[in-house]
Amino acid sequence: MQKMAKPVDTVAAAIEKALTAARPRARYPVGTDVRVQAALSGVAPDRVKDAAFARLTGTPPRKRG
């Protein structure tokens, strides 16, 4: 999970934005991997989402058979 950790400054900036917004959003995605995952969540099949998430996180593919 350390590999997926976001820089503290980036997370702090998202928190500050949420705390100071006049109309805060429900979620503030931090990082490209989270944005891709959110974009795919409603339009792609599970296999495509799993493959994209594995590629972004460096998870090796599951052996079949």
N, C-alpha and C. Protein backbone atom coordinates (compact mmCIF):
# COMPACT_ATOMS: atom_id res chain seq x y z
N MET A 1 0.81 -1.19 0.00
CA MET A 1 0.00 0.00 0.00
C MET A 1 0.85 1.26 0.00
N GLN A 2 2.08 1.20 0.45
CA GLN A 2 2.95 2.37 0.43
C GLN A 2 3.11 2.91 -0.97
N LYS A 3 3.11 2.02 -1.95
CA LYS A 3 3.30 2.43 -3.33
C LYS A 3 2.16 3.35 -3.79
N MET A 4 0.99 3.17 -3.21
CA MET A 4 -0.18 3.95 -3.60
C MET A 4 -0.34 5.23 -2.78
N ALA A 5 0.48 5.42 -1.78
CA ALA A 5 0.36 6.59 -0.91
C ALA A 5 0.59 7.88 -1.72
N LYS A 6 -0.21 8.87 -1.42
CA LYS A 6 -0.10 10.16 -2.11
C LYS A 6 0.79 11.10 -1.30
N PRO A 7 1.44 12.05 -1.96
CA PRO A 7 2.26 13.02 -1.24
C PRO A 7 1.41 13.83 -0.26
N VAL A 8 1.96 14.08 0.90
CA VAL A 8 1.25 14.78 1.97
C VAL A 8 0.77 16.15 1.51
N ASP A 9 1.59 16.87 0.77
CA ASP A 9 1.21 18.21 0.30
C ASP A 9 -0.03 18.16 -0.60
N THR A 10 -0.11 17.15 -1.45
CA THR A 10 -1.25 17.01 -2.35
C THR A 10 -2.53 16.73 -1.58
N VAL A 11 -2.44 15.84 -0.61
CA VAL A 11 -3.60 15.50 0.22
C VAL A 11 -4.02 16.71 1.05
N ALA A 12 -3.05 17.41 1.63
CA ALA A 12 -3.35 18.59 2.44
C ALA A 12 -4.04 19.67 1.59
N ALA A 13 -3.62 19.83 0.35
CA ALA A 13 -4.25 20.82 -0.53
C ALA A 13 -5.70 20.45 -0.81
N ALA A 14 -5.97 19.16 -1.01
CA ALA A 14 -7.36 18.72 -1.24
C ALA A 14 -8.21 18.94 0.00
N ILE A 15 -7.65 18.70 1.17
CA ILE A 15 -8.39 18.92 2.42
C ILE A 15 -8.67 20.39 2.61
N GLU A 16 -7.68 21.23 2.36
CA GLU A 16 -7.88 22.68 2.48
C GLU A 16 -8.96 23.17 1.53
N LYS A 17 -8.94 22.65 0.30
CA LYS A 17 -9.95 23.03 -0.69
C LYS A 17 -11.35 22.64 -0.21
N ALA A 18 -11.46 21.45 0.37
CA ALA A 18 -12.75 20.98 0.87
C ALA A 18 -13.24 21.82 2.04
N LEU A 19 -12.32 22.18 2.93
CA LEU A 19 -12.70 22.94 4.12
C LEU A 19 -13.06 24.40 3.82
N THR A 20 -12.50 24.94 2.76
CA THR A 20 -12.72 26.36 2.46
C THR A 20 -13.74 26.59 1.34
N ALA A 21 -14.24 25.52 0.72
CA ALA A 21 -15.20 25.66 -0.38
C ALA A 21 -16.55 26.12 0.16
N ALA A 22 -17.19 27.00 -0.58
CA ALA A 22 -18.53 27.46 -0.20
C ALA A 22 -19.54 26.31 -0.30
N ARG A 23 -19.37 25.49 -1.32
CA ARG A 23 -20.23 24.31 -1.51
C ARG A 23 -19.33 23.09 -1.73
N PRO A 24 -18.87 22.48 -0.67
CA PRO A 24 -17.93 21.36 -0.83
C PRO A 24 -18.58 20.14 -1.51
N ARG A 25 -17.76 19.46 -2.28
CA ARG A 25 -18.21 18.24 -2.95
C ARG A 25 -18.17 17.07 -1.97
N ALA A 26 -18.79 15.97 -2.36
CA ALA A 26 -18.80 14.78 -1.51
C ALA A 26 -17.43 14.09 -1.50
N ARG A 27 -16.72 14.17 -2.64
CA ARG A 27 -15.42 13.50 -2.75
C ARG A 27 -14.42 14.40 -3.45
N TYR A 28 -13.20 14.29 -3.03
CA TYR A 28 -12.08 15.00 -3.64
C TYR A 28 -11.01 13.96 -4.00
N PRO A 29 -11.08 13.40 -5.20
CA PRO A 29 -10.08 12.39 -5.57
C PRO A 29 -8.68 13.00 -5.66
N VAL A 30 -7.72 12.30 -5.10
CA VAL A 30 -6.33 12.77 -5.11
C VAL A 30 -5.50 11.73 -5.85
N GLY A 31 -4.96 12.11 -6.99
CA GLY A 31 -4.10 11.21 -7.74
C GLY A 31 -4.76 10.72 -9.02
N THR A 32 -3.93 10.41 -9.99
CA THR A 32 -4.41 9.95 -11.29
C THR A 32 -5.12 8.61 -11.18
N ASP A 33 -4.58 7.70 -10.38
CA ASP A 33 -5.18 6.38 -10.28
C ASP A 33 -6.61 6.45 -9.75
N VAL A 34 -6.85 7.31 -8.80
CA VAL A 34 -8.19 7.45 -8.24
C VAL A 34 -9.13 8.09 -9.25
N ARG A 35 -8.64 9.05 -10.01
CA ARG A 35 -9.47 9.70 -11.02
C ARG A 35 -9.86 8.72 -12.13
N VAL A 36 -8.93 7.89 -12.55
CA VAL A 36 -9.22 6.89 -13.58
C VAL A 36 -10.23 5.89 -13.04
N GLN A 37 -10.04 5.43 -11.83
CA GLN A 37 -10.95 4.47 -11.22
C GLN A 37 -12.36 5.06 -11.12
N ALA A 38 -12.47 6.31 -10.73
CA ALA A 38 -13.78 6.95 -10.61
C ALA A 38 -14.43 7.10 -11.99
N ALA A 39 -13.64 7.45 -12.99
CA ALA A 39 -14.19 7.62 -14.33
C ALA A 39 -14.69 6.30 -14.92
N LEU A 40 -13.99 5.23 -14.62
CA LEU A 40 -14.36 3.92 -15.15
C LEU A 40 -15.50 3.25 -14.38
N SER A 41 -15.75 3.69 -13.17
CA SER A 41 -16.66 2.98 -12.29
C SER A 41 -18.06 2.78 -12.86
N GLY A 42 -18.56 3.75 -13.60
CA GLY A 42 -19.91 3.61 -14.11
C GLY A 42 -20.03 3.15 -15.54
N VAL A 43 -18.94 3.11 -16.27
CA VAL A 43 -19.03 2.84 -17.70
C VAL A 43 -18.29 1.58 -18.16
N ALA A 44 -17.45 1.04 -17.35
CA ALA A 44 -16.64 -0.10 -17.78
C ALA A 44 -17.02 -1.37 -17.01
N PRO A 45 -16.88 -2.52 -17.66
CA PRO A 45 -17.11 -3.78 -16.96
C PRO A 45 -16.04 -4.01 -15.88
N ASP A 46 -16.34 -4.87 -14.93
CA ASP A 46 -15.43 -5.13 -13.81
C ASP A 46 -14.05 -5.57 -14.27
N ARG A 47 -13.98 -6.40 -15.30
CA ARG A 47 -12.67 -6.88 -15.77
C ARG A 47 -11.79 -5.73 -16.25
N VAL A 48 -12.39 -4.78 -16.94
CA VAL A 48 -11.63 -3.63 -17.44
C VAL A 48 -11.17 -2.78 -16.27
N LYS A 49 -12.06 -2.54 -15.30
CA LYS A 49 -11.69 -1.75 -14.12
C LYS A 49 -10.58 -2.44 -13.34
N ASP A 50 -10.70 -3.75 -13.16
CA ASP A 50 -9.67 -4.49 -12.42
C ASP A 50 -8.32 -4.43 -13.13
N ALA A 51 -8.33 -4.56 -14.45
CA ALA A 51 -7.07 -4.51 -15.21
C ALA A 51 -6.44 -3.13 -15.13
N ALA A 52 -7.25 -2.08 -15.24
CA ALA A 52 -6.71 -0.71 -15.15
C ALA A 52 -6.15 -0.44 -13.76
N PHE A 53 -6.86 -0.85 -12.73
CA PHE A 53 -6.40 -0.65 -11.36
C PHE A 53 -5.10 -1.42 -11.11
N ALA A 54 -5.02 -2.65 -11.61
CA ALA A 54 -3.81 -3.45 -11.44
C ALA A 54 -2.62 -2.80 -12.13
N ARG A 55 -2.85 -2.26 -13.32
CA ARG A 55 -1.77 -1.61 -14.06
C ARG A 55 -1.29 -0.35 -13.34
N LEU A 56 -2.23 0.44 -12.84
CA LEU A 56 -1.87 1.68 -12.15
C LEU A 56 -1.15 1.43 -10.83
N THR A 57 -1.49 0.35 -10.16
CA THR A 57 -0.88 0.07 -8.86
C THR A 57 0.32 -0.85 -8.94
N GLY A 58 0.56 -1.42 -10.12
CA GLY A 58 1.70 -2.31 -10.28
C GLY A 58 1.45 -3.72 -9.77
N THR A 59 0.18 -4.07 -9.59
CA THR A 59 -0.18 -5.41 -9.12
C THR A 59 0.04 -6.40 -10.26
N PRO A 60 0.74 -7.50 -10.02
CA PRO A 60 0.94 -8.46 -11.10
C PRO A 60 -0.38 -9.13 -11.48
N PRO A 61 -0.53 -9.52 -12.75
CA PRO A 61 -1.76 -10.17 -13.17
C PRO A 61 -1.95 -11.52 -12.48
N ARG A 62 -3.20 -11.86 -12.28
CA ARG A 62 -3.52 -13.14 -11.65
C ARG A 62 -3.31 -14.27 -12.64
N LYS A 63 -2.70 -15.35 -12.17
CA LYS A 63 -2.47 -16.51 -13.03
C LYS A 63 -3.77 -17.28 -13.20
N ARG A 64 -4.09 -17.59 -14.40
CA ARG A 64 -5.32 -18.33 -14.69
C ARG A 64 -5.01 -19.81 -14.88
N GLY A 65 -5.97 -20.62 -14.52
CA GLY A 65 -5.82 -22.04 -14.81
C GLY A 65 -5.50 -22.84 -13.69
